[in-house]
Amino acid sequence: MLNITYLSHSCFLLDDGENQLIIDPFLTGNPTATVGPDDIKAKFIALTHAHGDHLGDAVPIAKANNGLIIAVNELADFVAGQGANAHNMHIGGSYEFPFGTIKFTIAHHGSASPDGQYMGEPAGIVVKMGGKTFYHTGDTGLFSDMKLIGEMDDIDVMALPIGDNFTMGIKDAMMAARFAEPNLVIPMHYNTFPVIEADPYEFSKKVEAIGIASKVMEIGETISV
């Protein structure tokens, strides 16, 4: 079993009952977050890219919990330079951790540190944990290889950005769900800021119309799969 908690924006906490993995922990400065970095006790942190609303509190969370940040090579080097433990990976590669497996996929976006340094390629993350497969696409536009990702792994849960402007909007995200054919789709990366306002219930309704289950998670809500 895998417990999935939505902490707002693109941040999810995965818990298999023994290990916790947090993805893109943007909490400080997030107007929709209801918890702060001091509330997070996860030993593992995975990052899709280095933009401030994704890198977020990764370094302080890692330092406070003697944790490990998992990221593409350049971003892993960056957080290591800030004193965090890091595991360097890159797109297409997978690795077995105590909680399960992480594989990085492509994502069509950008990645730079808050001060403008190049931080390698943006990524999506396929996590196998608690006997389930969770695909966090990261910030991305639509791409047809999502179909291949879905063919290679039976995806239990897929988290998709719907806020448009910087990422896919509702129409493209619906097509992404059609490509990957997950068992459940969760919308993310919306309504944190005015420029990414979107209706998650409109998205959910459209996804369910093509035969794929969808769940709009409230901030702080936990589901079990």
Protein backbone atom coordinates (compact mmCIF):
# COMPACT_ATOMS: atom_id res chain seq x y z
CA MET A 1 0.00 0.00 0.00
CA LEU A 2 1.11 3.55 -0.72
CA ASN A 3 -0.23 6.63 1.07
CA ILE A 4 -0.13 9.83 -1.01
CA THR A 5 -0.55 13.23 0.63
CA TYR A 6 -0.96 16.38 -1.45
CA LEU A 7 0.83 19.33 0.14
CA SER A 8 -0.16 21.87 -2.57
CA HIS A 9 1.26 23.06 -5.90
CA SER A 10 3.37 20.10 -7.15
CA CYS A 11 4.39 18.75 -3.76
CA PHE A 12 3.44 15.23 -2.74
CA LEU A 13 4.47 13.12 0.24
CA LEU A 14 4.63 9.38 -0.40
CA ASP A 15 4.60 6.99 2.56
CA ASP A 16 4.79 3.18 2.42
CA GLY A 17 4.48 2.80 6.19
CA GLU A 18 8.23 2.62 6.69
CA ASN A 19 9.77 5.27 4.43
CA GLN A 20 8.69 8.73 3.36
CA LEU A 21 9.57 10.44 0.08
CA ILE A 22 8.65 14.06 -0.60
CA ILE A 23 8.62 15.44 -4.14
CA ASP A 24 9.20 19.13 -4.98
CA PRO A 25 8.80 20.50 -1.43
CA PHE A 26 7.79 24.10 -2.13
CA LEU A 27 6.37 25.11 1.27
CA THR A 28 8.06 28.33 2.45
CA GLY A 29 6.66 31.21 0.44
CA ASN A 30 3.86 29.07 -0.97
CA PRO A 31 0.59 30.94 -0.40
CA THR A 32 -1.45 27.72 -0.45
CA ALA A 33 0.74 25.51 1.75
CA THR A 34 -0.65 24.55 5.16
CA VAL A 35 2.57 23.04 6.57
CA GLY A 36 6.16 24.21 6.71
CA PRO A 37 9.51 22.47 6.29
CA ASP A 38 9.78 21.84 10.04
CA ASP A 39 6.69 19.61 9.79
CA ILE A 40 8.34 17.30 7.24
CA LYS A 41 10.30 14.30 8.56
CA ALA A 42 10.93 12.58 5.23
CA LYS A 43 14.38 11.03 4.77
CA PHE A 44 14.13 11.15 0.98
CA ILE A 45 13.51 14.17 -1.23
CA ALA A 46 13.11 13.97 -5.02
CA LEU A 47 13.28 17.00 -7.29
CA THR A 48 11.96 17.41 -10.82
CA HIS A 49 13.91 20.62 -11.49
CA ALA A 50 15.48 23.64 -9.83
CA HIS A 51 12.88 26.39 -10.13
CA GLY A 52 12.11 27.92 -6.76
CA ASP A 53 8.57 26.55 -6.65
CA HIS A 54 9.97 23.00 -6.89
CA LEU A 55 13.42 23.08 -5.26
CA GLY A 56 11.70 24.92 -2.43
CA ASP A 57 12.72 23.67 1.01
CA ALA A 58 14.61 20.58 -0.20
CA VAL A 59 17.94 21.55 1.35
CA PRO A 60 16.68 22.49 4.85
CA ILE A 61 14.45 19.39 4.95
CA ALA A 62 17.40 17.18 3.99
CA LYS A 63 19.69 18.79 6.56
CA ALA A 64 17.11 18.61 9.37
CA ASN A 65 16.41 14.91 8.78
CA ASN A 66 19.84 13.69 7.66
CA GLY A 67 17.99 13.01 4.43
CA LEU A 68 18.95 12.42 0.83
CA ILE A 69 18.06 14.60 -2.15
CA ILE A 70 17.60 12.69 -5.40
CA ALA A 71 17.93 14.77 -8.57
CA VAL A 72 19.49 15.01 -12.00
CA ASN A 73 23.27 15.41 -11.94
CA GLU A 74 23.67 19.18 -12.09
CA LEU A 75 20.93 19.87 -9.56
CA ALA A 76 22.28 17.17 -7.24
CA ASP A 77 25.71 18.82 -7.40
CA PHE A 78 24.10 22.18 -6.57
CA VAL A 79 22.32 20.96 -3.42
CA ALA A 80 25.42 19.02 -2.36
CA GLY A 81 27.31 22.30 -2.60
CA GLN A 82 24.82 23.71 -0.09
CA GLY A 83 25.64 20.96 2.37
CA ALA A 84 22.88 18.44 1.64
CA ASN A 85 23.37 14.74 0.98
CA ALA A 86 22.60 14.05 -2.67
CA HIS A 87 22.27 11.16 -5.08
CA ASN A 88 23.10 12.11 -8.66
CA MET A 89 20.98 10.65 -11.44
CA HIS A 90 19.86 11.61 -14.93
CA ILE A 91 17.07 11.13 -17.43
CA GLY A 92 16.51 7.52 -18.43
CA GLY A 93 18.36 6.19 -15.42
CA SER A 94 16.82 4.29 -12.52
CA TYR A 95 18.13 3.37 -9.09
CA GLU A 96 16.97 1.21 -6.19
CA PHE A 97 16.63 3.05 -2.88
CA PRO A 98 15.48 1.68 0.51
CA PHE A 99 11.91 2.76 -0.29
CA GLY A 100 11.86 1.48 -3.89
CA THR A 101 12.91 2.64 -7.35
CA ILE A 102 13.13 6.04 -8.97
CA LYS A 103 13.48 6.59 -12.71
CA PHE A 104 13.77 10.02 -14.30
CA THR A 105 11.91 10.75 -17.52
CA ILE A 106 12.04 13.66 -19.93
CA ALA A 107 9.99 16.80 -19.34
CA HIS A 108 9.64 19.78 -21.66
CA HIS A 109 10.39 22.77 -19.45
CA GLY A 110 13.49 24.55 -18.08
CA SER A 111 15.65 24.32 -14.98
CA ALA A 112 17.71 27.03 -13.32
CA SER A 113 18.53 27.80 -9.72
CA PRO A 114 16.92 30.84 -8.07
CA ASP A 115 20.08 32.83 -8.89
CA GLY A 116 19.99 31.81 -12.56
CA GLN A 117 22.54 28.98 -12.69
CA TYR A 118 21.96 26.18 -15.21
CA MET A 119 20.76 23.13 -13.32
CA GLY A 120 20.62 20.45 -15.99
CA GLU A 121 17.50 19.14 -17.68
CA PRO A 122 14.02 19.20 -16.14
CA ALA A 123 12.53 15.79 -15.48
CA GLY A 124 9.53 13.72 -14.58
CA ILE A 125 9.81 11.01 -11.95
CA VAL A 126 8.46 7.46 -11.99
CA VAL A 127 8.46 6.14 -8.42
CA LYS A 128 7.88 2.48 -7.56
CA MET A 129 7.08 2.35 -3.85
CA GLY A 130 4.81 0.30 -1.64
CA GLY A 131 3.99 -2.00 -4.53
CA LYS A 132 2.59 0.91 -6.58
CA THR A 133 3.82 3.12 -9.42
CA PHE A 134 3.47 6.90 -9.11
CA TYR A 135 4.33 9.07 -12.14
CA HIS A 136 4.97 12.72 -11.28
CA THR A 137 5.42 14.44 -14.64
CA GLY A 138 7.08 17.53 -13.22
CA ASP A 139 6.47 20.83 -15.02
CA THR A 140 6.06 19.93 -18.66
CA GLY A 141 4.27 20.43 -21.90
CA LEU A 142 2.55 17.55 -23.63
CA PHE A 143 4.75 14.99 -25.36
CA SER A 144 3.84 11.77 -27.13
CA ASP A 145 6.41 9.63 -25.26
CA MET A 146 4.01 9.71 -22.32
CA LYS A 147 2.33 6.87 -24.17
CA LEU A 148 5.60 4.92 -24.10
CA ILE A 149 6.06 5.64 -20.39
CA GLY A 150 2.60 4.24 -19.76
CA GLU A 151 3.32 1.17 -21.86
CA MET A 152 6.54 0.41 -19.99
CA ASP A 153 4.95 0.63 -16.54
CA ASP A 154 1.42 0.06 -15.32
CA ILE A 155 0.95 3.48 -13.73
CA ASP A 156 -1.26 3.46 -10.66
CA VAL A 157 -1.28 7.22 -10.13
CA MET A 158 -0.25 10.04 -12.47
CA ALA A 159 0.14 13.63 -11.25
CA LEU A 160 -0.34 16.16 -14.07
CA PRO A 161 0.05 19.95 -14.17
CA ILE A 162 -3.05 21.75 -15.45
CA GLY A 163 -2.32 25.42 -14.74
CA ASP A 164 -1.31 26.35 -18.31
CA ASN A 165 1.05 29.30 -19.04
CA PHE A 166 4.19 27.54 -17.72
CA THR A 167 2.98 23.95 -18.29
CA MET A 168 0.17 21.99 -19.88
CA GLY A 169 -3.32 23.32 -19.54
CA ILE A 170 -6.44 21.23 -19.10
CA LYS A 171 -6.81 20.19 -22.75
CA ASP A 172 -3.22 19.00 -23.12
CA ALA A 173 -3.20 17.35 -19.69
CA MET A 174 -6.27 15.37 -20.66
CA MET A 175 -4.39 14.12 -23.73
CA ALA A 176 -1.41 13.23 -21.52
CA ALA A 177 -3.73 11.06 -19.42
CA ARG A 178 -5.03 9.44 -22.59
CA PHE A 179 -1.44 8.67 -23.67
CA ALA A 180 -0.25 7.18 -20.36
CA GLU A 181 -3.51 5.44 -19.35
CA PRO A 182 -2.94 5.49 -15.57
CA ASN A 183 -5.42 4.00 -13.14
CA LEU A 184 -5.86 7.39 -11.45
CA VAL A 185 -5.00 10.98 -12.40
CA ILE A 186 -4.41 13.80 -9.90
CA PRO A 187 -4.18 17.42 -11.11
CA MET A 188 -1.39 19.61 -9.75
CA HIS A 189 0.39 22.94 -10.40
CA TYR A 190 -2.71 25.13 -10.45
CA ASN A 191 -4.22 28.02 -8.44
CA THR A 192 -1.04 28.70 -6.46
CA PHE A 193 -0.66 32.02 -8.30
CA PRO A 194 -3.14 33.99 -10.45
CA VAL A 195 -1.30 33.20 -13.68
CA ILE A 196 -1.92 29.46 -13.27
CA GLU A 197 -5.56 29.57 -12.25
CA ALA A 198 -7.49 26.54 -13.50
CA ASP A 199 -10.55 24.51 -12.55
CA PRO A 200 -9.40 21.06 -11.37
CA TYR A 201 -12.98 19.78 -11.35
CA GLU A 202 -13.37 20.64 -15.03
CA PHE A 203 -10.19 18.68 -15.72
CA SER A 204 -11.29 15.75 -13.58
CA LYS A 205 -14.67 15.59 -15.32
CA LYS A 206 -13.05 15.58 -18.75
CA VAL A 207 -10.59 12.84 -17.78
CA GLU A 208 -13.36 10.67 -16.39
CA ALA A 209 -15.29 11.17 -19.65
CA ILE A 210 -12.53 9.25 -21.46
CA GLY A 211 -12.71 6.39 -18.97
CA ILE A 212 -9.88 7.27 -16.58
CA ALA A 213 -10.48 7.82 -12.87
CA SER A 214 -9.50 11.23 -11.50
CA LYS A 215 -9.21 12.69 -8.02
CA VAL A 216 -8.99 16.35 -7.06
CA MET A 217 -7.02 16.28 -3.82
CA GLU A 218 -7.56 18.90 -1.18
CA ILE A 219 -4.41 20.39 0.31
CA GLY A 220 -3.33 18.12 3.16
CA GLU A 221 -5.53 15.25 1.99
CA THR A 222 -4.16 11.69 1.98
CA ILE A 223 -5.32 8.83 -0.23
CA SER A 224 -4.23 5.19 -0.13
CA VAL A 225 -3.65 3.13 -3.27
